[in-house]
Amino acid sequence: MTPTISLCLIVKNEEDYIEQCLNSVLELVNEIIIIDTGSTDKTKELALDFKKNKFPNLKILDFPWVQDFSSARNFSTSYATSEWILILDADEIIAKEDHNKIKELILKYNKPNTAMGLMLIQRNYANNSKLVGWTQNDEKYVSLEKFSGFYPTPITRLFKNKQEIVFRSKVHESVDDSIFEKKGKIKLTEIPIHHFQYERGEEYVKQKQLNYFDICKEMVKTRKQDFKVWFDMGVISANYRNSPTDSEKFFKQSLELNPHYLLSYLQLATVLEKQNKLEAAITIYKKALSIEKNNFHLVHNLAVALTKTNKPILALKFFEHAAKLNPNNPHVYTNVGCIFGQLGKFKDATEFFQKSLDLNPNDTRVKNLLEGTKNKINKNN
């Protein structure tokens, strides 16, 4: 029997988003808990309509805002009664085609001594290609890709309903520390959360993050040994303060305090790549892989960095490893096809472009690469 799921939301003035969020999980969750921190629009009214017309097992509770996201999150999860808890924001959704994947995962990990939490991939849709980690849409979710691309953020948003799992930090709150303290495991998945905060405007997002940065600066005065605060400052500096040197410094400080936090390695290496410090980035990826050799994102990103430094044969070795770790990721096959194209092995290139298209038939970029490579083969004949 599939384990049950409680959706926990904290909201304030989300009348434009709350219905699409709730509708996206209507057939996935067994319970919905909404914590309102002071809405003055129709958010609560819309939630009540949803309860009345679609989902009776929905609770709406008020919580006074105290400038602390963890307090609000923990208040919401305290009311959850299901076996697993899913955390979303109102401007996020889960695609319906991923519901069964989630159910399969929580069934797999519902046994004792398995994962306590699951990392989903938050797809932050945006048009700004300068954002760290930004990538062009892969067209796997065409109806949801309202911008030209997104930057992915692995984030633990699905976890077992246990009293000891709690959120920490006033901003960029996370349950990771509480899980690790209990020697629990967090498994990385490829399931996306689709995040549409940029529909509110780039300036809105930037100001929100800069406010978070100010809170982090205050927090670090009394919590200098908290690696997560330094990590959050690194993310904000990279994406919203246009300060890669500060970002690099903050990520290095985060790693000094916690040399096992893989996201710090990923973010630091990405920032180094943005500064064209490719060899330094490769060193960071390799160091991270000495901790977790089978992390798909580390393996794949290292392969990409090796390609940029004109080491195609070595890059192919890591792409091969990445394909074994995640054989359903079309980007791997696209990148391998590009390498074979550069090496003049056009027949091999077409094979890998076709593999990529088999997984993602709507990718127009790969279609063009395949067509162009076939033309080169015809010319050579």
Protein backbone atom coordinates (compact mmCIF):
# COMPACT_ATOMS: atom_id res chain seq x y z
CA MET A 1 0.00 0.00 0.00
CA THR A 2 1.33 3.45 -0.94
CA PRO A 3 2.31 5.54 2.11
CA THR A 4 0.27 8.67 2.78
CA ILE A 5 1.48 12.25 2.18
CA SER A 6 0.64 15.55 3.87
CA LEU A 7 1.22 18.74 1.88
CA CYS A 8 2.35 21.62 4.11
CA LEU A 9 2.20 25.19 2.80
CA ILE A 10 2.92 28.58 4.33
CA VAL A 11 1.24 31.44 2.47
CA LYS A 12 0.68 35.18 2.48
CA ASN A 13 -1.23 36.98 -0.27
CA GLU A 14 -0.99 34.15 -2.80
CA GLU A 15 -4.36 34.51 -4.56
CA ASP A 16 -2.67 34.35 -7.98
CA TYR A 17 -0.91 31.03 -7.29
CA ILE A 18 -2.55 28.95 -4.59
CA GLU A 19 -5.14 27.22 -6.78
CA GLN A 20 -2.63 25.96 -9.36
CA CYS A 21 -0.41 24.69 -6.55
CA LEU A 22 -3.22 22.81 -4.83
CA ASN A 23 -4.61 21.43 -8.10
CA SER A 24 -1.17 20.07 -9.03
CA VAL A 25 -1.15 17.69 -6.03
CA LEU A 26 -4.86 16.96 -5.80
CA GLU A 27 -4.36 13.29 -6.73
CA LEU A 28 -1.03 12.92 -4.94
CA VAL A 29 -1.54 13.95 -1.31
CA ASN A 30 -3.88 12.72 1.40
CA GLU A 31 -3.94 15.84 3.54
CA ILE A 32 -3.28 19.56 3.05
CA ILE A 33 -2.22 21.96 5.79
CA ILE A 34 -2.10 25.67 4.93
CA ILE A 35 -0.51 28.14 7.34
CA ASP A 36 -1.48 31.73 6.60
CA THR A 37 0.90 34.38 7.94
CA GLY A 38 -1.32 37.40 7.36
CA SER A 39 -3.00 37.43 3.95
CA THR A 40 -5.09 40.46 3.08
CA ASP A 41 -6.21 39.21 -0.36
CA LYS A 42 -8.42 36.23 -1.32
CA THR A 43 -5.87 33.51 -0.45
CA LYS A 44 -7.83 32.06 2.47
CA GLU A 45 -11.14 32.38 0.64
CA LEU A 46 -9.76 30.42 -2.33
CA ALA A 47 -8.33 27.77 -0.01
CA LEU A 48 -11.72 27.38 1.69
CA ASP A 49 -13.41 27.01 -1.71
CA PHE A 50 -10.88 24.32 -2.60
CA LYS A 51 -11.66 22.52 0.67
CA LYS A 52 -15.40 22.72 0.06
CA ASN A 53 -15.43 21.73 -3.60
CA LYS A 54 -12.40 19.49 -4.12
CA PHE A 55 -10.46 18.43 -1.04
CA PRO A 56 -12.28 18.16 2.32
CA ASN A 57 -9.17 17.04 4.22
CA LEU A 58 -7.66 20.53 4.22
CA LYS A 59 -6.80 22.64 7.28
CA ILE A 60 -6.20 26.40 7.29
CA LEU A 61 -4.45 27.83 10.32
CA ASP A 62 -3.18 31.32 11.16
CA PHE A 63 0.36 31.97 12.33
CA PRO A 64 1.73 35.44 13.14
CA TRP A 65 4.82 36.24 11.06
CA VAL A 66 7.96 36.46 13.23
CA GLN A 67 10.62 36.94 10.51
CA ASP A 68 11.52 33.26 10.74
CA PHE A 69 10.58 30.78 8.01
CA SER A 70 11.59 27.76 10.10
CA SER A 71 9.11 28.66 12.84
CA ALA A 72 6.28 28.80 10.31
CA ARG A 73 7.37 25.57 8.58
CA ASN A 74 7.63 23.69 11.88
CA PHE A 75 4.20 24.96 12.92
CA SER A 76 2.77 23.56 9.68
CA THR A 77 4.43 20.14 9.97
CA SER A 78 3.27 19.80 13.60
CA TYR A 79 -0.28 19.35 12.26
CA ALA A 80 0.64 16.71 9.66
CA THR A 81 -0.78 13.23 10.26
CA SER A 82 0.43 11.36 7.15
CA GLU A 83 3.51 9.13 6.91
CA TRP A 84 5.41 11.55 4.65
CA ILE A 85 5.44 15.35 4.40
CA LEU A 86 5.70 17.29 1.14
CA ILE A 87 6.69 20.96 1.34
CA LEU A 88 5.73 23.39 -1.42
CA ASP A 89 5.39 27.14 -1.78
CA ALA A 90 2.29 28.56 -3.41
CA ASP A 91 4.19 29.48 -6.60
CA GLU A 92 5.39 25.89 -7.05
CA ILE A 93 3.77 22.81 -8.52
CA ILE A 94 4.44 19.11 -9.01
CA ALA A 95 3.71 17.86 -12.54
CA LYS A 96 1.02 15.20 -12.61
CA GLU A 97 3.20 12.90 -14.71
CA ASP A 98 5.57 12.68 -11.73
CA HIS A 99 2.96 11.59 -9.17
CA ASN A 100 3.57 7.88 -9.69
CA LYS A 101 7.34 8.35 -9.47
CA ILE A 102 6.91 10.01 -6.08
CA LYS A 103 4.61 7.24 -4.88
CA GLU A 104 7.11 4.60 -5.98
CA LEU A 105 9.95 6.37 -4.16
CA ILE A 106 8.18 6.78 -0.84
CA LEU A 107 7.07 3.15 -1.00
CA LYS A 108 10.68 2.14 -1.63
CA TYR A 109 12.03 4.23 1.26
CA ASN A 110 9.19 3.69 3.72
CA LYS A 111 11.11 0.87 5.38
CA PRO A 112 13.26 1.47 8.49
CA ASN A 113 16.95 2.32 8.03
CA THR A 114 16.43 3.73 4.55
CA ALA A 115 16.27 7.38 3.48
CA MET A 116 14.56 9.78 5.87
CA GLY A 117 14.33 12.51 3.24
CA LEU A 118 14.24 12.92 -0.53
CA MET A 119 15.80 15.80 -2.43
CA LEU A 120 13.70 17.05 -5.33
CA ILE A 121 15.09 19.36 -8.00
CA GLN A 122 13.58 22.83 -7.75
CA ARG A 123 13.42 24.24 -11.28
CA ASN A 124 13.56 28.01 -10.86
CA TYR A 125 12.30 29.20 -14.23
CA ALA A 126 13.89 32.41 -15.51
CA ASN A 127 15.09 34.14 -18.66
CA ASN A 128 18.32 35.43 -17.09
CA SER A 129 21.08 33.14 -18.38
CA LYS A 130 23.61 34.83 -16.03
CA LEU A 131 22.10 33.11 -13.00
CA VAL A 132 24.48 30.48 -11.61
CA GLY A 133 23.55 27.06 -12.94
CA TRP A 134 21.03 28.42 -15.49
CA THR A 135 20.33 25.98 -18.29
CA GLN A 136 18.11 26.09 -21.34
CA ASN A 137 14.77 24.29 -21.03
CA ASP A 138 14.96 20.64 -21.97
CA GLU A 139 11.32 20.71 -23.16
CA LYS A 140 10.41 17.68 -21.04
CA TYR A 141 7.62 19.75 -19.45
CA VAL A 142 6.66 21.98 -22.37
CA SER A 143 3.39 23.28 -20.91
CA LEU A 144 5.18 24.41 -17.74
CA GLU A 145 8.26 25.99 -19.29
CA LYS A 146 7.05 29.59 -19.28
CA PHE A 147 10.60 31.00 -19.48
CA SER A 148 13.56 30.22 -21.71
CA GLY A 149 15.37 28.21 -19.02
CA PHE A 150 15.82 27.49 -15.34
CA TYR A 151 18.46 27.00 -12.69
CA PRO A 152 18.14 23.79 -10.68
CA THR A 153 18.36 23.65 -6.88
CA PRO A 154 18.37 20.27 -5.11
CA ILE A 155 16.22 20.70 -2.01
CA THR A 156 14.84 18.31 0.61
CA ARG A 157 11.11 18.83 0.32
CA LEU A 158 9.80 15.30 0.90
CA PHE A 159 10.57 13.56 4.20
CA LYS A 160 9.22 11.15 6.74
CA ASN A 161 6.84 12.53 9.35
CA LYS A 162 9.07 12.18 12.40
CA GLN A 163 9.15 14.50 15.39
CA GLU A 164 12.93 14.85 15.23
CA ILE A 165 12.88 16.18 11.65
CA VAL A 166 12.61 19.95 11.93
CA PHE A 167 13.43 23.03 9.89
CA ARG A 168 16.27 25.30 10.90
CA SER A 169 17.44 28.77 9.84
CA LYS A 170 15.36 31.92 9.54
CA VAL A 171 15.79 32.01 5.75
CA HIS A 172 16.52 29.25 3.23
CA GLU A 173 15.25 26.94 5.91
CA SER A 174 16.12 23.24 5.67
CA VAL A 175 15.53 19.92 7.46
CA ASP A 176 18.89 18.51 6.36
CA ASP A 177 20.78 19.16 9.61
CA SER A 178 18.13 17.53 11.77
CA ILE A 179 18.20 14.43 9.56
CA PHE A 180 21.98 14.17 9.54
CA GLU A 181 22.13 14.60 13.32
CA LYS A 182 20.09 11.42 13.63
CA LYS A 183 22.47 9.65 11.20
CA GLY A 184 19.67 9.67 8.65
CA LYS A 185 20.10 9.58 4.89
CA ILE A 186 18.81 11.95 2.22
CA LYS A 187 18.50 10.57 -1.30
CA LEU A 188 18.77 12.80 -4.38
CA THR A 189 16.04 12.29 -6.98
CA GLU A 190 15.48 13.72 -10.46
CA ILE A 191 11.85 14.71 -9.76
CA PRO A 192 11.35 18.44 -10.33
CA ILE A 193 9.42 21.05 -8.40
CA HIS A 194 8.38 23.70 -10.91
CA HIS A 195 8.95 27.14 -9.38
CA PHE A 196 7.47 30.28 -10.96
CA GLN A 197 8.71 33.08 -8.69
CA TYR A 198 10.03 35.05 -11.68
CA GLU A 199 6.48 35.56 -12.90
CA ARG A 200 6.34 38.17 -10.13
CA GLY A 201 9.16 40.05 -11.84
CA GLU A 202 12.96 39.94 -11.61
CA GLU A 203 13.08 42.95 -9.31
CA TYR A 204 10.70 41.28 -6.86
CA VAL A 205 12.89 38.17 -6.69
CA LYS A 206 16.09 40.18 -6.39
CA GLN A 207 14.79 42.33 -3.54
CA LYS A 208 13.49 39.27 -1.71
CA GLN A 209 16.89 37.60 -1.92
CA LEU A 210 18.75 40.77 -0.93
CA ASN A 211 16.52 40.99 2.14
CA TYR A 212 17.47 37.38 2.91
CA PHE A 213 21.13 38.35 2.54
CA ASP A 214 20.73 41.11 5.14
CA ILE A 215 19.16 38.61 7.53
CA CYS A 216 22.04 36.19 6.90
CA LYS A 217 24.59 38.94 7.62
CA GLU A 218 22.96 39.49 11.01
CA MET A 219 22.75 35.76 11.68
CA VAL A 220 26.43 35.17 10.92
CA LYS A 221 27.46 37.61 13.67
CA THR A 222 26.25 35.12 16.27
CA ARG A 223 26.49 31.93 14.21
CA LYS A 224 29.92 32.10 12.59
CA GLN A 225 30.25 28.32 12.78
CA ASP A 226 26.99 27.71 10.89
CA PHE A 227 28.07 26.49 7.45
CA LYS A 228 24.53 26.84 6.06
CA VAL A 229 24.45 30.60 6.64
CA TRP A 230 27.71 31.00 4.71
CA PHE A 231 26.33 28.74 1.99
CA ASP A 232 23.15 30.84 1.66
CA MET A 233 25.22 34.03 1.45
CA GLY A 234 27.23 32.39 -1.33
CA VAL A 235 24.11 31.52 -3.33
CA ILE A 236 22.65 35.01 -3.01
CA SER A 237 25.97 36.69 -3.83
CA ALA A 238 26.34 34.57 -6.95
CA ASN A 239 22.84 35.12 -8.28
CA TYR A 240 21.64 38.47 -7.00
CA ARG A 241 24.62 40.58 -5.84
CA ASN A 242 26.71 40.01 -8.98
CA SER A 243 29.66 39.24 -6.76
CA PRO A 244 31.36 35.97 -7.76
CA THR A 245 34.44 36.73 -5.64
CA ASP A 246 32.30 37.13 -2.50
CA SER A 247 30.37 34.04 -3.46
CA GLU A 248 33.56 32.03 -3.87
CA LYS A 249 34.76 33.22 -0.45
CA PHE A 250 31.45 32.32 1.24
CA PHE A 251 31.31 28.82 -0.30
CA LYS A 252 34.90 28.15 0.76
CA GLN A 253 34.03 29.22 4.31
CA SER A 254 31.00 26.93 4.23
CA LEU A 255 33.20 24.01 3.16
CA GLU A 256 35.76 24.80 5.83
CA LEU A 257 33.03 24.40 8.44
CA ASN A 258 31.39 21.39 6.77
CA PRO A 259 33.61 19.62 4.21
CA HIS A 260 30.93 17.01 3.53
CA TYR A 261 28.16 19.29 2.22
CA LEU A 262 28.01 18.40 -1.48
CA LEU A 263 25.90 21.39 -2.51
CA SER A 264 28.71 23.72 -1.41
CA TYR A 265 31.08 21.91 -3.76
CA LEU A 266 28.58 22.06 -6.60
CA GLN A 267 27.91 25.77 -6.13
CA LEU A 268 31.58 26.66 -5.64
CA ALA A 269 32.62 24.79 -8.77
CA THR A 270 29.85 26.47 -10.76
CA VAL A 271 30.97 29.92 -9.56
CA LEU A 272 34.55 29.09 -10.49
CA GLU A 273 33.40 28.06 -13.98
CA LYS A 274 31.54 31.36 -14.33
CA GLN A 275 34.85 33.12 -13.62
CA ASN A 276 36.56 30.89 -16.19
CA LYS A 277 38.62 29.22 -13.45
CA LEU A 278 38.04 25.87 -15.08
CA GLU A 279 40.98 23.95 -13.63
CA ALA A 280 40.03 25.12 -10.13
CA ALA A 281 36.45 24.00 -10.77
CA ILE A 282 37.64 20.59 -11.93
CA THR A 283 39.68 20.23 -8.73
CA ILE A 284 36.57 20.99 -6.65
CA TYR A 285 34.43 18.48 -8.56
CA LYS A 286 37.08 15.78 -8.07
CA LYS A 287 37.34 16.53 -4.37
CA ALA A 288 33.57 16.24 -4.01
CA LEU A 289 33.59 12.95 -5.91
CA SER A 290 36.09 11.57 -3.41
CA ILE A 291 33.25 11.96 -0.88
CA GLU A 292 30.37 10.78 -3.08
CA LYS A 293 31.62 9.09 -6.23
CA ASN A 294 28.16 8.25 -7.57
CA ASN A 295 26.55 11.69 -7.45
CA PHE A 296 25.15 12.24 -10.95
CA HIS A 297 25.35 16.04 -10.87
CA LEU A 298 29.01 16.03 -9.79
CA VAL A 299 29.99 13.46 -12.41
CA HIS A 300 28.07 15.19 -15.19
CA ASN A 301 29.30 18.70 -14.32
CA LEU A 302 32.90 17.46 -14.15
CA ALA A 303 32.51 15.95 -17.62
CA VAL A 304 31.20 19.28 -18.94
CA ALA A 305 34.12 21.17 -17.35
CA LEU A 306 36.61 18.73 -18.88
CA THR A 307 35.01 19.34 -22.27
CA LYS A 308 35.52 23.08 -21.84
CA THR A 309 39.23 22.51 -21.10
CA ASN A 310 39.63 20.51 -24.32
CA LYS A 311 39.94 17.10 -22.67
CA PRO A 312 37.31 15.23 -24.71
CA ILE A 313 38.56 11.69 -24.11
CA LEU A 314 38.61 12.12 -20.34
CA ALA A 315 35.23 13.88 -20.52
CA LEU A 316 33.76 10.90 -22.36
CA LYS A 317 34.84 8.63 -19.51
CA PHE A 318 32.86 10.70 -17.00
CA PHE A 319 29.86 11.07 -19.32
CA GLU A 320 29.81 7.28 -19.58
CA HIS A 321 29.73 7.08 -15.78
CA ALA A 322 26.97 9.71 -15.68
CA ALA A 323 24.89 7.70 -18.16
CA LYS A 324 25.16 4.63 -15.92
CA LEU A 325 24.05 6.67 -12.91
CA ASN A 326 21.12 8.19 -14.77
CA PRO A 327 20.42 6.55 -18.13
CA ASN A 328 17.28 8.67 -18.60
CA ASN A 329 18.99 12.07 -18.67
CA PRO A 330 19.04 13.35 -22.26
CA HIS A 331 21.71 16.02 -21.57
CA VAL A 332 24.34 13.32 -21.15
CA TYR A 333 23.75 11.93 -24.63
CA THR A 334 23.57 15.41 -26.15
CA ASN A 335 26.96 16.30 -24.67
CA VAL A 336 28.50 13.03 -25.83
CA GLY A 337 27.11 13.64 -29.30
CA CYS A 338 28.71 17.09 -29.34
CA ILE A 339 32.10 15.64 -28.37
CA PHE A 340 31.94 13.02 -31.12
CA GLY A 341 30.98 15.77 -33.54
CA GLN A 342 34.06 17.79 -32.52
CA LEU A 343 36.20 14.69 -32.96
CA GLY A 344 34.80 14.21 -36.47
CA LYS A 345 33.04 10.96 -35.53
CA PHE A 346 29.75 12.02 -37.05
CA LYS A 347 28.13 8.60 -37.16
CA ASP A 348 28.68 8.16 -33.41
CA ALA A 349 27.43 11.71 -32.85
CA THR A 350 24.12 10.98 -34.63
CA GLU A 351 23.65 7.86 -32.52
CA PHE A 352 23.90 9.85 -29.29
CA PHE A 353 21.80 12.76 -30.53
CA GLN A 354 19.12 10.23 -31.42
CA LYS A 355 19.34 8.70 -27.92
CA SER A 356 18.79 12.16 -26.49
CA LEU A 357 15.77 12.73 -28.73
CA ASP A 358 14.31 9.36 -27.82
CA LEU A 359 14.19 10.60 -24.23
CA ASN A 360 13.10 14.14 -25.09
CA PRO A 361 11.50 14.30 -28.56
CA ASN A 362 10.59 17.99 -28.25
CA ASP A 363 14.15 19.33 -27.92
CA THR A 364 14.53 21.51 -31.01
CA ARG A 365 18.22 22.20 -30.30
CA VAL A 366 19.09 18.51 -30.44
CA LYS A 367 16.93 18.08 -33.54
CA ASN A 368 19.02 20.78 -35.24
CA LEU A 369 22.27 19.17 -34.05
CA LEU A 370 21.17 15.80 -35.43
CA GLU A 371 20.11 17.29 -38.75
CA GLY A 372 23.36 19.25 -39.07
CA THR A 373 25.46 16.17 -38.33
CA LYS A 374 23.56 14.10 -40.89
CA ASN A 375 24.24 16.81 -43.48
CA LYS A 376 27.96 16.57 -42.73
CA ILE A 377 27.85 12.80 -43.24
CA ASN A 378 26.08 13.26 -46.58
CA LYS A 379 28.65 15.83 -47.72
CA ASN A 380 31.52 13.51 -46.81
CA ASN A 381 29.89 10.76 -48.84
